[in-house]
N, C-alpha and C. Protein backbone atom coordinates (compact mmCIF):
# COMPACT_ATOMS: atom_id res chain seq x y z
N MET A 1 0.87 -1.20 0.00
CA MET A 1 0.00 0.00 0.00
C MET A 1 0.90 1.25 0.00
N PRO A 2 0.69 2.19 -0.93
CA PRO A 2 1.51 3.41 -0.93
C PRO A 2 1.29 4.19 0.37
N SER A 3 2.31 4.93 0.80
CA SER A 3 2.18 5.66 2.07
C SER A 3 1.72 7.09 1.86
N VAL A 4 1.69 7.56 0.59
CA VAL A 4 1.22 8.93 0.33
C VAL A 4 0.31 8.95 -0.90
N PHE A 5 -0.82 9.65 -0.78
CA PHE A 5 -1.70 9.91 -1.93
C PHE A 5 -1.78 11.42 -2.13
N VAL A 6 -1.51 11.87 -3.34
CA VAL A 6 -1.61 13.29 -3.66
C VAL A 6 -2.75 13.46 -4.67
N GLN A 7 -3.71 14.31 -4.32
CA GLN A 7 -4.91 14.49 -5.15
C GLN A 7 -5.57 13.12 -5.44
N GLY A 8 -5.50 12.23 -4.45
CA GLY A 8 -6.15 10.92 -4.59
C GLY A 8 -5.35 9.90 -5.35
N ARG A 9 -4.14 10.27 -5.82
CA ARG A 9 -3.32 9.33 -6.58
C ARG A 9 -2.07 8.94 -5.79
N PRO A 10 -1.70 7.66 -5.82
CA PRO A 10 -0.52 7.24 -5.06
C PRO A 10 0.77 7.80 -5.66
N VAL A 11 1.70 8.20 -4.79
CA VAL A 11 3.02 8.65 -5.25
C VAL A 11 4.10 7.90 -4.45
N ASP A 12 5.27 7.77 -5.04
CA ASP A 12 6.35 7.02 -4.39
C ASP A 12 7.00 7.81 -3.26
N ALA A 13 7.18 9.11 -3.46
CA ALA A 13 7.84 9.92 -2.43
C ALA A 13 7.25 11.32 -2.47
N TYR A 14 7.32 11.99 -1.31
CA TYR A 14 6.73 13.33 -1.24
C TYR A 14 7.43 14.09 -0.13
N PRO A 15 7.67 15.40 -0.32
CA PRO A 15 8.37 16.16 0.72
C PRO A 15 7.53 16.35 1.99
N ARG A 16 8.18 16.79 3.05
CA ARG A 16 7.49 16.97 4.34
C ARG A 16 6.38 18.01 4.23
N LEU A 17 6.63 19.08 3.46
CA LEU A 17 5.61 20.09 3.19
C LEU A 17 5.25 20.05 1.71
N ALA A 18 3.99 20.21 1.39
CA ALA A 18 3.57 20.24 -0.02
C ALA A 18 4.34 21.37 -0.74
N PRO A 19 4.81 21.11 -1.96
CA PRO A 19 5.59 22.12 -2.70
C PRO A 19 4.88 23.46 -2.84
N GLU A 20 3.53 23.45 -2.87
CA GLU A 20 2.77 24.70 -2.99
C GLU A 20 3.15 25.70 -1.90
N ALA A 21 3.45 25.16 -0.70
CA ALA A 21 3.74 26.04 0.45
C ALA A 21 4.96 26.92 0.21
N ARG A 22 5.88 26.45 -0.64
CA ARG A 22 7.11 27.23 -0.90
C ARG A 22 6.80 28.58 -1.53
N ASN A 23 5.71 28.65 -2.31
CA ASN A 23 5.35 29.91 -2.98
C ASN A 23 4.35 30.74 -2.18
N GLY A 24 3.90 30.19 -1.06
CA GLY A 24 2.79 30.83 -0.34
C GLY A 24 3.21 31.92 0.62
N LYS A 25 2.23 32.71 1.00
CA LYS A 25 2.40 33.72 2.06
C LYS A 25 1.44 33.34 3.19
N VAL A 26 1.86 33.62 4.41
CA VAL A 26 1.02 33.30 5.56
C VAL A 26 -0.12 34.31 5.64
N ARG A 27 -1.33 33.82 5.76
CA ARG A 27 -2.49 34.70 5.92
C ARG A 27 -3.06 34.56 7.33
N ARG A 28 -3.79 35.58 7.75
CA ARG A 28 -4.44 35.55 9.07
C ARG A 28 -5.59 34.53 9.03
N ILE A 29 -5.69 33.75 10.08
CA ILE A 29 -6.78 32.76 10.17
C ILE A 29 -7.98 33.40 10.90
N THR A 30 -9.13 33.31 10.28
CA THR A 30 -10.35 33.87 10.85
C THR A 30 -10.78 33.05 12.08
N GLU A 31 -11.56 33.69 12.94
CA GLU A 31 -12.00 33.04 14.18
C GLU A 31 -13.52 32.97 14.26
N VAL A 32 -13.98 31.97 15.01
CA VAL A 32 -15.42 31.81 15.25
C VAL A 32 -16.03 33.16 15.61
N GLY A 33 -17.19 33.47 15.02
CA GLY A 33 -17.85 34.75 15.25
C GLY A 33 -17.70 35.69 14.07
N GLU A 34 -16.65 35.47 13.23
CA GLU A 34 -16.48 36.33 12.05
C GLU A 34 -17.45 35.87 10.96
N GLU A 35 -18.09 36.83 10.34
CA GLU A 35 -19.20 36.54 9.43
C GLU A 35 -18.83 35.55 8.32
N VAL A 36 -17.63 35.69 7.77
CA VAL A 36 -17.24 34.86 6.62
C VAL A 36 -17.27 33.36 6.95
N LEU A 37 -17.13 33.02 8.23
CA LEU A 37 -17.13 31.60 8.64
C LEU A 37 -18.54 31.04 8.78
N HIS A 38 -19.52 31.92 8.82
CA HIS A 38 -20.87 31.48 9.20
C HIS A 38 -21.89 31.62 8.08
N LYS A 39 -21.43 31.71 6.85
CA LYS A 39 -22.38 31.72 5.72
C LYS A 39 -21.79 30.87 4.60
N PRO A 40 -22.66 30.25 3.78
CA PRO A 40 -22.17 29.40 2.70
C PRO A 40 -21.26 30.19 1.75
N CYS A 41 -20.20 29.53 1.29
CA CYS A 41 -19.24 30.18 0.39
C CYS A 41 -19.73 30.14 -1.06
N ARG A 42 -19.13 31.00 -1.88
CA ARG A 42 -19.49 31.07 -3.31
C ARG A 42 -18.69 30.04 -4.09
N ASP A 43 -19.29 29.56 -5.17
CA ASP A 43 -18.55 28.67 -6.07
C ASP A 43 -17.39 29.41 -6.72
N VAL A 44 -16.28 28.72 -6.90
CA VAL A 44 -15.16 29.25 -7.69
C VAL A 44 -15.58 29.18 -9.16
N THR A 45 -15.46 30.29 -9.87
CA THR A 45 -15.82 30.30 -11.30
C THR A 45 -14.61 30.60 -12.18
N GLU A 46 -13.54 31.13 -11.57
CA GLU A 46 -12.34 31.44 -12.36
C GLU A 46 -11.17 30.60 -11.89
N PHE A 47 -10.65 29.81 -12.82
CA PHE A 47 -9.47 28.98 -12.54
C PHE A 47 -8.28 29.65 -13.20
N GLY A 48 -7.30 30.01 -12.42
CA GLY A 48 -6.16 30.73 -13.00
C GLY A 48 -5.15 31.06 -11.93
N PRO A 49 -4.26 32.03 -12.20
CA PRO A 49 -3.17 32.32 -11.28
C PRO A 49 -3.62 32.81 -9.91
N ASP A 50 -4.73 33.54 -9.83
CA ASP A 50 -5.20 34.02 -8.51
C ASP A 50 -5.62 32.86 -7.62
N LEU A 51 -6.31 31.91 -8.23
CA LEU A 51 -6.73 30.72 -7.48
C LEU A 51 -5.50 29.92 -7.04
N ALA A 52 -4.56 29.74 -7.95
CA ALA A 52 -3.34 28.99 -7.62
C ALA A 52 -2.58 29.65 -6.47
N ALA A 53 -2.51 30.99 -6.49
CA ALA A 53 -1.80 31.73 -5.43
C ALA A 53 -2.52 31.57 -4.09
N LEU A 54 -3.86 31.58 -4.13
CA LEU A 54 -4.63 31.38 -2.90
C LEU A 54 -4.36 29.99 -2.32
N ILE A 55 -4.31 28.98 -3.17
CA ILE A 55 -4.04 27.61 -2.71
C ILE A 55 -2.64 27.53 -2.09
N ASP A 56 -1.66 28.17 -2.72
CA ASP A 56 -0.30 28.20 -2.16
C ASP A 56 -0.32 28.82 -0.75
N ASP A 57 -1.00 29.96 -0.63
CA ASP A 57 -1.07 30.64 0.67
C ASP A 57 -1.77 29.76 1.72
N MET A 58 -2.82 29.06 1.28
CA MET A 58 -3.57 28.22 2.22
C MET A 58 -2.72 27.06 2.73
N PHE A 59 -1.93 26.45 1.85
CA PHE A 59 -1.05 25.37 2.30
C PHE A 59 -0.07 25.87 3.35
N LEU A 60 0.60 26.99 3.06
CA LEU A 60 1.59 27.50 4.01
C LEU A 60 0.92 27.88 5.33
N THR A 61 -0.23 28.55 5.26
CA THR A 61 -0.94 28.98 6.47
C THR A 61 -1.36 27.77 7.30
N MET A 62 -1.81 26.70 6.64
CA MET A 62 -2.20 25.47 7.34
C MET A 62 -1.00 24.87 8.08
N TYR A 63 0.16 24.82 7.42
CA TYR A 63 1.34 24.24 8.07
C TYR A 63 1.80 25.08 9.26
N ILE A 64 1.77 26.40 9.09
CA ILE A 64 2.18 27.30 10.18
C ILE A 64 1.30 27.09 11.41
N ALA A 65 0.02 26.78 11.16
CA ALA A 65 -0.94 26.60 12.26
C ALA A 65 -1.02 25.15 12.73
N ASP A 66 -0.13 24.27 12.19
CA ASP A 66 -0.13 22.85 12.56
C ASP A 66 -1.49 22.19 12.29
N GLY A 67 -2.09 22.55 11.16
CA GLY A 67 -3.41 22.00 10.83
C GLY A 67 -3.33 20.81 9.89
N ALA A 68 -4.45 20.08 9.78
CA ALA A 68 -4.55 18.96 8.84
C ALA A 68 -5.39 19.35 7.63
N GLY A 69 -6.10 20.48 7.72
CA GLY A 69 -6.93 20.97 6.62
C GLY A 69 -7.23 22.44 6.85
N LEU A 70 -7.57 23.14 5.77
CA LEU A 70 -7.88 24.56 5.89
C LEU A 70 -8.79 24.96 4.73
N ALA A 71 -9.91 25.62 5.06
CA ALA A 71 -10.84 26.09 4.03
C ALA A 71 -10.58 27.56 3.74
N ALA A 72 -10.98 28.00 2.54
CA ALA A 72 -10.68 29.38 2.12
C ALA A 72 -11.30 30.42 3.04
N ASN A 73 -12.50 30.13 3.58
CA ASN A 73 -13.10 31.15 4.46
C ASN A 73 -12.34 31.28 5.78
N GLN A 74 -11.46 30.31 6.06
CA GLN A 74 -10.62 30.43 7.26
C GLN A 74 -9.45 31.39 7.04
N VAL A 75 -9.24 31.81 5.78
CA VAL A 75 -8.30 32.91 5.54
C VAL A 75 -9.06 34.12 4.99
N GLY A 76 -10.38 34.15 5.26
CA GLY A 76 -11.19 35.32 4.95
C GLY A 76 -11.69 35.42 3.52
N VAL A 77 -11.58 34.33 2.75
CA VAL A 77 -12.02 34.34 1.34
C VAL A 77 -13.25 33.45 1.21
N ASP A 78 -14.38 34.03 0.78
CA ASP A 78 -15.63 33.24 0.80
C ASP A 78 -15.80 32.43 -0.49
N LEU A 79 -14.84 31.56 -0.74
CA LEU A 79 -14.91 30.66 -1.91
C LEU A 79 -14.92 29.22 -1.43
N ARG A 80 -15.60 28.36 -2.21
CA ARG A 80 -15.69 26.94 -1.87
C ARG A 80 -14.38 26.25 -2.30
N LEU A 81 -13.54 26.01 -1.32
CA LEU A 81 -12.21 25.48 -1.61
C LEU A 81 -11.56 25.08 -0.30
N PHE A 82 -10.88 23.94 -0.29
CA PHE A 82 -10.04 23.64 0.88
C PHE A 82 -8.79 22.87 0.48
N VAL A 83 -7.78 22.94 1.36
CA VAL A 83 -6.54 22.17 1.19
C VAL A 83 -6.43 21.21 2.37
N TYR A 84 -5.63 20.16 2.21
CA TYR A 84 -5.47 19.20 3.30
C TYR A 84 -4.12 18.50 3.20
N ASP A 85 -3.61 18.11 4.35
CA ASP A 85 -2.44 17.23 4.46
C ASP A 85 -2.69 16.44 5.73
N CYS A 86 -3.24 15.25 5.57
CA CYS A 86 -3.88 14.57 6.70
C CYS A 86 -3.64 13.06 6.62
N PRO A 87 -3.32 12.43 7.74
CA PRO A 87 -3.21 10.96 7.73
C PRO A 87 -4.57 10.31 7.92
N ASP A 88 -4.70 9.07 7.43
CA ASP A 88 -5.88 8.30 7.81
C ASP A 88 -5.50 7.40 8.98
N ASP A 89 -6.41 6.53 9.40
CA ASP A 89 -6.14 5.71 10.59
C ASP A 89 -5.09 4.64 10.35
N ASP A 90 -4.74 4.40 9.08
CA ASP A 90 -3.69 3.42 8.77
C ASP A 90 -2.32 4.08 8.61
N GLY A 91 -2.25 5.39 8.88
CA GLY A 91 -0.98 6.09 8.77
C GLY A 91 -0.63 6.51 7.35
N VAL A 92 -1.58 6.34 6.42
CA VAL A 92 -1.35 6.78 5.04
C VAL A 92 -1.61 8.28 4.96
N ARG A 93 -0.70 9.02 4.33
CA ARG A 93 -0.81 10.48 4.25
C ARG A 93 -1.56 10.89 2.98
N HIS A 94 -2.48 11.83 3.13
CA HIS A 94 -3.26 12.33 1.99
C HIS A 94 -3.03 13.83 1.88
N VAL A 95 -2.63 14.28 0.69
CA VAL A 95 -2.32 15.69 0.47
C VAL A 95 -3.06 16.17 -0.78
N GLY A 96 -3.62 17.37 -0.72
CA GLY A 96 -4.26 17.89 -1.92
C GLY A 96 -5.12 19.10 -1.65
N HIS A 97 -5.88 19.47 -2.68
CA HIS A 97 -6.82 20.58 -2.57
C HIS A 97 -8.07 20.21 -3.37
N ILE A 98 -9.20 20.77 -2.99
CA ILE A 98 -10.45 20.52 -3.72
C ILE A 98 -11.19 21.84 -3.88
N VAL A 99 -11.54 22.15 -5.11
CA VAL A 99 -12.28 23.35 -5.46
C VAL A 99 -13.74 22.96 -5.68
N ASN A 100 -14.68 23.75 -5.15
CA ASN A 100 -16.12 23.48 -5.25
C ASN A 100 -16.47 22.07 -4.77
N PRO A 101 -16.02 21.73 -3.54
CA PRO A 101 -16.24 20.37 -3.04
C PRO A 101 -17.71 20.08 -2.75
N VAL A 102 -18.11 18.86 -3.05
CA VAL A 102 -19.45 18.37 -2.68
C VAL A 102 -19.26 17.05 -1.95
N LEU A 103 -19.70 17.01 -0.70
CA LEU A 103 -19.61 15.79 0.11
C LEU A 103 -20.79 14.90 -0.25
N GLU A 104 -20.49 13.70 -0.74
CA GLU A 104 -21.58 12.80 -1.15
C GLU A 104 -22.31 12.26 0.07
N PRO A 105 -23.64 12.24 0.03
CA PRO A 105 -24.35 11.60 1.14
C PRO A 105 -24.12 10.09 1.09
N LEU A 106 -23.86 9.49 2.24
CA LEU A 106 -23.64 8.04 2.30
C LEU A 106 -24.94 7.36 2.72
N GLU A 107 -25.20 6.21 2.10
CA GLU A 107 -26.38 5.44 2.54
C GLU A 107 -26.17 4.99 3.98
N THR A 108 -27.22 5.05 4.76
CA THR A 108 -27.11 4.73 6.19
C THR A 108 -26.47 3.36 6.40
N ALA A 109 -26.79 2.41 5.55
CA ALA A 109 -26.26 1.05 5.71
C ALA A 109 -24.74 1.02 5.55
N HIS A 110 -24.18 2.03 4.86
CA HIS A 110 -22.74 2.01 4.56
C HIS A 110 -21.94 2.94 5.46
N ARG A 111 -22.57 3.45 6.52
CA ARG A 111 -21.80 4.38 7.33
C ARG A 111 -21.83 4.00 8.80
N ARG A 112 -20.71 4.21 9.43
CA ARG A 112 -20.58 3.94 10.86
C ARG A 112 -20.14 5.27 11.47
N LEU A 113 -20.84 5.74 12.50
CA LEU A 113 -20.47 7.02 13.11
C LEU A 113 -19.38 6.80 14.14
N LEU A 114 -18.35 7.61 14.07
CA LEU A 114 -17.29 7.59 15.07
C LEU A 114 -17.36 8.88 15.87
N ASP A 115 -17.35 8.77 17.18
CA ASP A 115 -17.43 9.94 18.06
C ASP A 115 -16.02 10.21 18.58
N GLU A 116 -15.30 11.10 17.92
CA GLU A 116 -13.91 11.35 18.31
C GLU A 116 -13.63 12.83 18.39
N ALA A 117 -12.52 13.15 19.05
CA ALA A 117 -12.17 14.56 19.28
C ALA A 117 -11.88 15.27 17.96
N GLU A 118 -12.35 16.50 17.89
CA GLU A 118 -12.15 17.31 16.70
C GLU A 118 -11.77 18.71 17.15
N GLY A 119 -10.87 19.32 16.40
CA GLY A 119 -10.50 20.71 16.68
C GLY A 119 -10.65 21.51 15.40
N CYS A 120 -10.35 22.80 15.47
CA CYS A 120 -10.49 23.67 14.30
C CYS A 120 -9.55 24.85 14.47
N LEU A 121 -8.85 25.19 13.39
CA LEU A 121 -7.90 26.31 13.47
C LEU A 121 -8.61 27.63 13.73
N SER A 122 -9.91 27.70 13.44
CA SER A 122 -10.68 28.92 13.70
C SER A 122 -11.33 28.92 15.09
N VAL A 123 -11.11 27.83 15.84
CA VAL A 123 -11.53 27.76 17.25
C VAL A 123 -10.28 27.36 18.03
N PRO A 124 -9.27 28.24 18.08
CA PRO A 124 -7.94 27.83 18.53
C PRO A 124 -7.91 27.32 19.96
N GLY A 125 -7.37 26.11 20.11
CA GLY A 125 -7.15 25.54 21.44
C GLY A 125 -8.26 24.65 21.96
N ALA A 126 -9.40 24.60 21.28
CA ALA A 126 -10.54 23.81 21.77
C ALA A 126 -10.67 22.50 21.00
N THR A 127 -11.00 21.43 21.69
CA THR A 127 -11.36 20.16 21.03
C THR A 127 -12.58 19.58 21.73
N ARG A 128 -13.48 19.00 20.93
CA ARG A 128 -14.64 18.31 21.49
C ARG A 128 -14.91 17.07 20.64
N ASP A 129 -15.61 16.10 21.23
CA ASP A 129 -16.01 14.91 20.47
C ASP A 129 -17.17 15.28 19.55
N VAL A 130 -17.02 14.90 18.28
CA VAL A 130 -18.06 15.16 17.28
C VAL A 130 -18.31 13.86 16.51
N PRO A 131 -19.58 13.40 16.41
CA PRO A 131 -19.84 12.19 15.63
C PRO A 131 -19.73 12.48 14.13
N ARG A 132 -18.93 11.66 13.44
CA ARG A 132 -18.79 11.78 11.98
C ARG A 132 -18.76 10.37 11.38
N PRO A 133 -19.24 10.22 10.14
CA PRO A 133 -19.11 8.93 9.47
C PRO A 133 -17.63 8.55 9.30
N ASP A 134 -17.35 7.23 9.33
CA ASP A 134 -15.95 6.78 9.21
C ASP A 134 -15.48 6.71 7.76
N ARG A 135 -16.35 7.18 6.84
CA ARG A 135 -15.96 7.19 5.42
C ARG A 135 -16.54 8.47 4.80
N ALA A 136 -15.78 9.05 3.87
CA ALA A 136 -16.26 10.26 3.18
C ALA A 136 -15.81 10.22 1.73
N VAL A 137 -16.67 10.70 0.84
CA VAL A 137 -16.34 10.84 -0.58
C VAL A 137 -16.66 12.28 -0.97
N VAL A 138 -15.66 12.98 -1.48
CA VAL A 138 -15.84 14.38 -1.89
C VAL A 138 -15.52 14.51 -3.37
N ARG A 139 -16.42 15.13 -4.11
CA ARG A 139 -16.19 15.40 -5.53
C ARG A 139 -15.97 16.90 -5.73
N GLY A 140 -15.11 17.23 -6.68
CA GLY A 140 -14.86 18.64 -6.97
C GLY A 140 -13.88 18.76 -8.12
N PHE A 141 -13.05 19.78 -8.06
CA PHE A 141 -12.10 20.07 -9.15
C PHE A 141 -10.75 20.44 -8.57
N ASP A 142 -9.71 20.33 -9.40
CA ASP A 142 -8.41 20.82 -8.96
C ASP A 142 -8.23 22.26 -9.45
N ARG A 143 -7.06 22.82 -9.19
CA ARG A 143 -6.82 24.24 -9.52
C ARG A 143 -6.92 24.53 -11.01
N ASP A 144 -6.80 23.49 -11.83
CA ASP A 144 -6.89 23.67 -13.29
C ASP A 144 -8.28 23.39 -13.83
N GLY A 145 -9.20 23.08 -12.92
CA GLY A 145 -10.58 22.81 -13.36
C GLY A 145 -10.82 21.36 -13.75
N GLU A 146 -9.83 20.49 -13.47
CA GLU A 146 -10.01 19.06 -13.76
C GLU A 146 -10.79 18.39 -12.63
N PRO A 147 -11.74 17.49 -12.97
CA PRO A 147 -12.53 16.84 -11.91
C PRO A 147 -11.66 15.94 -11.02
N VAL A 148 -11.96 15.93 -9.72
CA VAL A 148 -11.29 15.02 -8.79
C VAL A 148 -12.33 14.39 -7.88
N VAL A 149 -12.06 13.17 -7.47
CA VAL A 149 -12.88 12.49 -6.45
C VAL A 149 -11.92 12.00 -5.38
N ILE A 150 -12.14 12.43 -4.15
CA ILE A 150 -11.27 12.04 -3.04
C ILE A 150 -12.09 11.22 -2.05
N GLU A 151 -11.55 10.05 -1.69
CA GLU A 151 -12.22 9.20 -0.70
C GLU A 151 -11.34 9.09 0.53
N GLY A 152 -11.97 9.08 1.68
CA GLY A 152 -11.19 8.96 2.91
C GLY A 152 -11.89 8.08 3.92
N THR A 153 -11.10 7.51 4.82
CA THR A 153 -11.65 6.73 5.94
C THR A 153 -11.04 7.26 7.24
N GLY A 154 -11.70 6.92 8.34
CA GLY A 154 -11.16 7.28 9.66
C GLY A 154 -10.92 8.76 9.82
N TYR A 155 -9.74 9.11 10.33
CA TYR A 155 -9.43 10.51 10.63
C TYR A 155 -9.46 11.37 9.37
N PHE A 156 -9.03 10.81 8.24
CA PHE A 156 -9.05 11.59 7.00
C PHE A 156 -10.50 11.85 6.54
N ALA A 157 -11.40 10.89 6.76
CA ALA A 157 -12.82 11.11 6.45
C ALA A 157 -13.36 12.26 7.29
N ARG A 158 -12.96 12.29 8.56
CA ARG A 158 -13.37 13.38 9.47
C ARG A 158 -12.88 14.72 8.94
N CYS A 159 -11.63 14.76 8.48
CA CYS A 159 -11.06 15.98 7.92
C CYS A 159 -11.86 16.45 6.70
N LEU A 160 -12.16 15.53 5.79
CA LEU A 160 -12.91 15.90 4.57
C LEU A 160 -14.29 16.45 4.93
N ALA A 161 -14.97 15.79 5.86
CA ALA A 161 -16.32 16.24 6.26
C ALA A 161 -16.25 17.60 6.95
N HIS A 162 -15.24 17.78 7.80
CA HIS A 162 -15.05 19.03 8.54
C HIS A 162 -14.82 20.20 7.57
N GLU A 163 -13.95 19.99 6.57
CA GLU A 163 -13.64 21.06 5.62
C GLU A 163 -14.82 21.33 4.69
N ALA A 164 -15.54 20.28 4.30
CA ALA A 164 -16.74 20.46 3.46
C ALA A 164 -17.78 21.28 4.24
N ASP A 165 -17.88 21.04 5.54
CA ASP A 165 -18.78 21.84 6.40
C ASP A 165 -18.41 23.32 6.33
N HIS A 166 -17.11 23.62 6.40
CA HIS A 166 -16.68 25.02 6.34
C HIS A 166 -17.23 25.71 5.09
N CYS A 167 -17.19 25.00 3.97
CA CYS A 167 -17.65 25.59 2.70
C CYS A 167 -19.14 25.91 2.74
N GLU A 168 -19.87 25.23 3.64
CA GLU A 168 -21.31 25.49 3.80
C GLU A 168 -21.57 26.51 4.91
N GLY A 169 -20.49 27.07 5.48
CA GLY A 169 -20.65 28.05 6.55
C GLY A 169 -20.92 27.43 7.90
N ARG A 170 -20.49 26.16 8.08
CA ARG A 170 -20.71 25.47 9.36
C ARG A 170 -19.38 25.18 10.04
N LEU A 171 -19.34 25.36 11.35
CA LEU A 171 -18.19 24.95 12.16
C LEU A 171 -18.58 23.70 12.94
N TYR A 172 -17.57 22.98 13.44
CA TYR A 172 -17.91 21.78 14.22
C TYR A 172 -18.70 22.15 15.47
N LEU A 173 -18.54 23.39 15.95
CA LEU A 173 -19.31 23.84 17.12
C LEU A 173 -20.80 23.77 16.85
N ASP A 174 -21.19 23.96 15.59
CA ASP A 174 -22.61 23.95 15.23
C ASP A 174 -23.21 22.55 15.35
N ARG A 175 -22.36 21.55 15.47
CA ARG A 175 -22.85 20.17 15.60
C ARG A 175 -22.90 19.73 17.07
N LEU A 176 -22.61 20.66 17.97
CA LEU A 176 -22.58 20.33 19.40
C LEU A 176 -23.84 20.81 20.11
N ALA A 177 -24.14 20.16 21.23
CA ALA A 177 -25.21 20.67 22.11
C ALA A 177 -24.72 21.99 22.71
N GLN A 178 -25.65 22.79 23.17
CA GLN A 178 -25.30 24.14 23.63
C GLN A 178 -24.25 24.13 24.75
N ARG A 179 -24.39 23.18 25.68
CA ARG A 179 -23.43 23.14 26.80
C ARG A 179 -22.03 22.80 26.31
N GLU A 180 -21.97 21.82 25.39
CA GLU A 180 -20.68 21.42 24.81
C GLU A 180 -20.03 22.59 24.08
N ARG A 181 -20.86 23.32 23.37
CA ARG A 181 -20.36 24.48 22.61
C ARG A 181 -19.77 25.52 23.56
N LYS A 182 -20.47 25.77 24.66
CA LYS A 182 -19.98 26.74 25.66
C LYS A 182 -18.65 26.27 26.24
N ASP A 183 -18.57 24.97 26.51
CA ASP A 183 -17.31 24.41 27.04
C ASP A 183 -16.17 24.63 26.06
N ALA A 184 -16.44 24.40 24.77
CA ALA A 184 -15.41 24.57 23.74
C ALA A 184 -14.95 26.03 23.68
N LEU A 185 -15.89 26.97 23.76
CA LEU A 185 -15.52 28.39 23.70
C LEU A 185 -14.74 28.80 24.95
N ARG A 186 -15.05 28.17 26.09
CA ARG A 186 -14.28 28.43 27.32
C ARG A 186 -12.85 27.92 27.16
N GLN A 187 -12.76 26.70 26.59
CA GLN A 187 -11.43 26.11 26.30
C GLN A 187 -10.61 27.03 25.40
N MET A 188 -11.28 27.55 24.39
CA MET A 188 -10.60 28.45 23.45
C MET A 188 -10.09 29.69 24.17
N ALA A 189 -10.92 30.27 25.05
CA ALA A 189 -10.51 31.47 25.78
C ALA A 189 -9.27 31.18 26.63
N ASP A 190 -9.21 29.99 27.22
CA ASP A 190 -8.08 29.62 28.08
C ASP A 190 -6.79 29.38 27.29
N ARG A 191 -6.91 28.81 26.08
CA ARG A 191 -5.71 28.33 25.37
C ARG A 191 -5.31 29.15 24.16
N ARG A 192 -6.13 30.12 23.83
CA ARG A 192 -5.93 30.87 22.59
C ARG A 192 -4.53 31.49 22.50
N ASP A 193 -4.09 32.15 23.57
CA ASP A 193 -2.78 32.84 23.55
C ASP A 193 -1.65 31.85 23.28
N GLU A 194 -1.77 30.70 23.91
CA GLU A 194 -0.77 29.63 23.74
C GLU A 194 -0.69 29.19 22.27
N VAL A 195 -1.85 29.04 21.64
CA VAL A 195 -1.91 28.62 20.24
C VAL A 195 -1.27 29.68 19.35
N TYR A 196 -1.59 30.94 19.60
CA TYR A 196 -1.03 32.03 18.78
C TYR A 196 0.48 32.14 18.97
N ALA A 197 0.96 31.89 20.17
CA ALA A 197 2.41 31.92 20.42
C ALA A 197 3.10 30.84 19.61
N ARG A 198 2.46 29.67 19.54
CA ARG A 198 3.05 28.55 18.78
C ARG A 198 3.09 28.87 17.28
N ARG A 199 2.01 29.47 16.79
CA ARG A 199 1.99 29.85 15.37
C ARG A 199 3.07 30.89 15.07
N ALA A 200 3.24 31.85 15.97
CA ALA A 200 4.26 32.89 15.77
C ALA A 200 5.66 32.25 15.76
N ALA A 201 5.86 31.27 16.65
CA ALA A 201 7.16 30.57 16.70
C ALA A 201 7.41 29.80 15.40
N ASN A 202 6.35 29.22 14.84
CA ASN A 202 6.49 28.49 13.57
C ASN A 202 6.87 29.44 12.42
N ILE A 203 6.29 30.62 12.42
CA ILE A 203 6.63 31.61 11.39
C ILE A 203 8.09 32.01 11.52
N GLU A 204 8.49 32.24 12.79
CA GLU A 204 9.88 32.63 13.09
C GLU A 204 10.84 31.55 12.59
N ALA A 205 10.51 30.28 12.88
CA ALA A 205 11.38 29.16 12.50
C ALA A 205 11.48 29.06 10.97
N LEU A 206 10.38 29.36 10.30
CA LEU A 206 10.36 29.26 8.85
C LEU A 206 11.21 30.34 8.21
N SER A 207 11.16 31.56 8.78
CA SER A 207 11.90 32.66 8.17
C SER A 207 13.37 32.70 8.64
N GLY A 208 13.68 31.88 9.66
CA GLY A 208 15.04 31.91 10.21
C GLY A 208 16.01 31.14 9.37
């Protein structure tokens, strides 16, 4: 079994950071409460250098924040698009981006819900258990407008579902009961400074 899949295709070797990140600039990550995170994003209609540059920036920003996925509205851009660099439960690494993603509904008979901890770069420092199917299939396009289909299981399925939610203007907090949500926001208030310090240190290390 290959240990890395890029855009859903197996590759023999791959660098520690996706090559896109080399051309990227770090962008500010939006936080829960900002309008752009809480409304459905617009479809991407133009495929070209601006889109490619946004994807580069998103990869670098995701790595700086120690994330496994990042949606465009998390850098303040209301477009349906996300990037990911995420392992599945078998330790296989999945790297890529999806433009105009659509999460396929799974038949109930084919899905098993896993209740596991989930975090979000836009809710810095908080994690809560969120039930998600253990399998996900997302259809969309790459930066050149070519169709892609990405399938994931386990933790990678959770990542795909989480990022697809972002494109619909939903955070994982929206899937929690009110008390759980309050707990998560309290956690964020306690740990936020620590998370930002770590991100700043990562930027420093990168430019050093």
